[in-house]
Protein backbone atom coordinates (compact mmCIF):
# COMPACT_ATOMS: atom_id res chain seq x y z
CA MET A 1 66.77 9.27 32.52
CA ILE A 2 66.72 5.83 30.76
CA PHE A 3 70.18 4.99 29.03
CA TYR A 4 70.62 2.10 26.51
CA GLU A 5 73.07 1.35 23.83
CA PRO A 6 71.89 1.20 20.19
CA GLY A 7 70.74 -2.34 19.51
CA ARG A 8 70.11 -3.17 23.33
CA HIS A 9 66.87 -1.27 23.67
CA LYS A 10 65.02 -4.30 24.99
CA ASP A 11 67.12 -4.30 27.97
CA GLN A 12 65.24 -1.22 29.13
CA GLY A 13 61.78 -2.57 28.22
CA PHE A 14 61.38 -0.91 24.69
CA ARG A 15 59.61 -3.31 22.27
CA HIS A 16 61.31 -1.63 19.33
CA ASP A 17 64.27 0.58 19.14
CA PRO A 18 62.87 4.20 19.44
CA PHE A 19 65.73 5.81 17.65
CA LYS A 20 63.51 6.87 14.62
CA ALA A 21 60.83 8.11 17.06
CA PHE A 22 63.41 10.41 18.72
CA VAL A 23 64.78 11.73 15.41
CA SER A 24 61.46 13.07 14.05
CA PRO A 25 59.52 14.40 12.45
CA ARG A 26 61.65 13.56 9.19
CA PRO A 27 60.50 14.89 5.82
CA ILE A 28 59.79 12.42 3.19
CA GLY A 29 61.90 12.33 0.00
CA TRP A 30 59.69 10.80 -2.77
CA ILE A 31 62.35 10.00 -5.14
CA SER A 32 61.48 9.29 -8.75
CA THR A 33 64.02 8.02 -11.10
CA VAL A 34 64.35 6.18 -14.49
CA ASP A 35 66.56 3.16 -15.41
CA ALA A 36 68.79 2.97 -18.31
CA ASP A 37 65.84 1.86 -20.50
CA GLY A 38 63.69 4.90 -19.40
CA ARG A 39 61.34 2.95 -17.09
CA THR A 40 60.07 5.00 -14.05
CA ASN A 41 60.69 4.11 -10.51
CA LEU A 42 59.13 6.01 -7.54
CA ALA A 43 59.77 5.36 -3.80
CA PRO A 44 59.55 7.25 -0.44
CA TYR A 45 62.58 7.66 1.79
CA SER A 46 62.06 9.07 5.42
CA PHE A 47 65.79 9.22 5.77
CA PHE A 48 65.82 12.54 3.81
CA ASN A 49 66.78 16.00 4.31
CA ALA A 50 68.45 19.34 2.89
CA MET A 51 72.21 19.60 3.73
CA SER A 52 73.12 22.89 2.25
CA PHE A 53 71.64 25.97 0.66
CA LEU A 54 74.39 27.48 -1.73
CA PRO A 55 74.07 25.42 -3.52
CA PRO A 56 70.95 23.62 -2.27
CA VAL A 57 71.93 19.84 -1.79
CA VAL A 58 69.66 17.15 -0.60
CA VAL A 59 70.36 13.59 0.74
CA PHE A 60 68.44 10.41 1.02
CA GLY A 61 69.52 7.26 2.88
CA THR A 62 68.69 3.86 1.47
CA GLY A 63 69.40 0.40 2.53
CA THR A 64 69.94 -2.53 0.05
CA LYS A 65 68.35 -5.87 -0.57
CA PRO A 66 69.31 -8.55 1.78
CA ASP A 67 71.94 -9.75 -0.42
CA GLY A 68 73.66 -6.38 -0.74
CA SER A 69 72.37 -5.52 -4.13
CA PRO A 70 71.09 -1.98 -4.58
CA LYS A 71 67.46 -1.04 -4.65
CA ASP A 72 66.04 0.47 -7.75
CA SER A 73 66.39 4.05 -6.64
CA GLN A 74 70.11 3.94 -5.90
CA ARG A 75 70.78 1.80 -9.07
CA ASN A 76 68.99 4.40 -11.25
CA VAL A 77 70.54 7.43 -9.80
CA GLU A 78 74.08 6.07 -10.09
CA ALA A 79 73.42 4.95 -13.57
CA THR A 80 71.85 7.95 -14.94
CA GLY A 81 73.10 10.84 -12.58
CA GLU A 82 69.63 12.18 -12.13
CA PHE A 83 66.69 12.10 -9.80
CA VAL A 84 63.66 14.12 -8.54
CA CYS A 85 62.62 14.57 -5.04
CA ASN A 86 59.01 15.24 -4.86
CA ILE A 87 57.42 16.60 -1.69
CA VAL A 88 54.62 14.67 -0.17
CA SER A 89 51.51 16.66 0.73
CA GLU A 90 48.75 15.39 2.98
CA ALA A 91 46.56 14.89 -0.07
CA LEU A 92 49.05 12.42 -1.30
CA LYS A 93 49.75 10.46 1.77
CA GLU A 94 47.97 7.35 0.46
CA GLN A 95 49.63 7.21 -2.78
CA MET A 96 52.95 7.81 -1.25
CA ASN A 97 52.45 4.73 1.08
CA GLU A 98 51.34 2.84 -1.96
CA THR A 99 54.66 3.38 -3.67
CA SER A 100 56.50 1.86 -0.71
CA ALA A 101 55.54 -1.58 -1.77
CA HIS A 102 58.38 -3.86 -3.19
CA LEU A 103 57.44 -4.43 -6.93
CA PRO A 104 59.62 -6.23 -9.36
CA HIS A 105 62.35 -4.27 -11.13
CA GLY A 106 61.02 -2.26 -13.89
CA ASP A 107 57.39 -2.06 -12.76
CA ASP A 108 56.15 1.61 -12.67
CA GLU A 109 55.06 2.43 -8.93
CA MET A 110 53.89 5.90 -10.14
CA ALA A 111 51.29 4.31 -12.63
CA LYS A 112 50.32 1.64 -10.01
CA ALA A 113 49.45 4.27 -7.47
CA GLY A 114 47.26 6.03 -9.81
CA LEU A 115 49.56 8.97 -10.17
CA ARG A 116 50.28 11.06 -13.26
CA GLY A 117 53.81 12.02 -14.20
CA ALA A 118 54.91 15.31 -15.67
CA ALA A 119 58.14 16.07 -17.49
CA CYS A 120 60.87 18.00 -15.82
CA GLN A 121 63.03 20.76 -17.33
CA LYS A 122 66.58 19.61 -16.82
CA VAL A 123 66.43 15.89 -15.92
CA ARG A 124 64.91 12.71 -17.53
CA PRO A 125 62.92 11.32 -14.54
CA LEU A 126 59.18 12.41 -14.36
CA ARG A 127 58.02 14.37 -11.37
CA VAL A 128 54.69 13.45 -9.61
CA ALA A 129 52.46 16.07 -11.22
CA ALA A 130 50.28 16.44 -8.16
CA ALA A 131 53.15 16.95 -5.77
CA PRO A 132 53.13 20.80 -4.54
CA VAL A 133 57.03 20.95 -4.94
CA ALA A 134 59.47 18.80 -7.02
CA LEU A 135 63.16 19.24 -6.91
CA GLU A 136 65.06 18.24 -9.94
CA CYS A 137 68.39 16.87 -8.90
CA ARG A 138 71.88 16.20 -10.30
CA TYR A 139 73.62 13.12 -8.59
CA LEU A 140 76.63 14.11 -6.66
CA GLU A 141 78.04 11.24 -4.80
CA THR A 142 77.19 8.02 -2.78
CA VAL A 143 78.58 7.43 0.68
CA LYS A 144 78.79 4.00 2.09
CA LEU A 145 77.47 3.79 5.81
CA PRO A 146 77.98 1.20 8.46
CA SER A 147 75.92 -1.99 8.39
CA TRP A 148 74.94 -4.43 11.23
CA ASN A 149 73.31 -6.85 8.58
CA GLU A 150 76.08 -7.43 6.03
CA PRO A 151 75.90 -8.21 3.18
CA ALA A 152 72.99 -5.90 3.28
CA GLY A 153 74.35 -2.28 3.30
CA ASN A 154 73.32 1.46 4.07
CA TYR A 155 74.07 4.30 1.64
CA ALA A 156 73.61 8.04 1.61
CA ILE A 157 72.95 9.56 -1.66
CA PHE A 158 73.55 13.30 -2.38
CA GLY A 159 72.14 15.38 -5.03
CA GLU A 160 72.36 19.12 -6.17
CA VAL A 161 69.12 20.74 -6.92
CA ILE A 162 69.14 22.21 -10.33
CA GLY A 163 65.58 23.04 -10.68
CA VAL A 164 62.27 23.43 -8.58
CA HIS A 165 58.60 23.21 -9.58
CA VAL A 166 56.27 24.87 -7.26
CA ASP A 167 52.53 24.82 -7.32
CA PRO A 168 51.57 28.59 -7.24
CA ALA A 169 48.51 27.80 -4.97
CA ILE A 170 50.97 27.29 -2.04
CA VAL A 171 52.44 30.70 -2.47
CA GLU A 172 51.15 33.82 -0.80
CA ASP A 173 52.76 37.16 -0.99
CA GLY A 174 56.08 35.69 -2.25
CA LEU A 175 56.17 33.22 0.56
CA VAL A 176 55.57 29.43 0.77
CA ASP A 177 52.65 28.60 3.15
CA VAL A 178 53.21 25.02 4.19
CA THR A 179 49.86 24.83 5.90
CA ARG A 180 48.25 25.07 2.41
CA TYR A 181 49.71 21.65 1.49
CA ARG A 182 50.51 20.25 5.01
CA PRO A 183 53.75 18.30 4.12
CA VAL A 184 53.66 14.80 5.51
CA SER A 185 56.67 13.59 7.79
CA ARG A 186 57.61 10.29 9.22
CA LEU A 187 57.91 9.51 12.95
CA GLY A 188 58.66 6.36 14.72
CA TYR A 189 57.04 2.99 14.10
CA PHE A 190 54.16 3.36 11.72
CA ASP A 191 53.38 6.85 12.62
CA TYR A 192 53.17 9.98 10.52
CA ALA A 193 52.34 13.68 11.14
CA THR A 194 51.51 16.80 8.97
CA VAL A 195 52.31 20.35 9.38
CA THR A 196 49.18 22.22 10.48
CA GLU A 197 50.49 25.42 12.19
CA VAL A 198 53.74 27.21 12.29
CA PHE A 199 55.37 29.81 14.61
CA GLN A 200 58.25 32.24 14.20
CA MET A 201 61.34 33.09 16.26
CA MET A 202 63.87 35.65 15.16
CA ARG A 203 67.61 34.95 15.85
CA PRO A 204 69.02 37.06 18.91
CA ASP A 205 71.39 38.81 16.46
């Protein structure tokens, strides 16, 4: 076995720290928010997952700008108390990647990527109309995480899911079929993957 301490991967011949390759695949939280003036922001986060079921809670992790100031998603969520997590299908992978570009504050990544927004039921941010699933979320809290690059920081942002939009085309016999929309996940480096097949295992008890 190869052993290395985080941050010292090159001692063992790794060109880049493979941590994110190990913790994979990771679902992508495509987070849409609005600022205090109602301007839309859309950005993908690969540090994202569901944390509980009753009630459903999701979390996404974000860094800051080099000077420690928050990125637009964090700023908007904390200011408005709302966000939407759009699930990325394989058909939307290029648009998702387009929205990862760093645009000036106030610019609309959704429009720039050629995406149409749709109104939500319980929150103000638009959802991505073409997304197969969109989770309307109420902001819960922000947890500050350690940082090796201060003043830049790392934060985990939690939200409770209070509404769900589902494309009926991905539902069969009352169950969601992920192979119908092939959710995109992040691996290590610049690698991605999609879900193309599934298998079942029942719990022993």
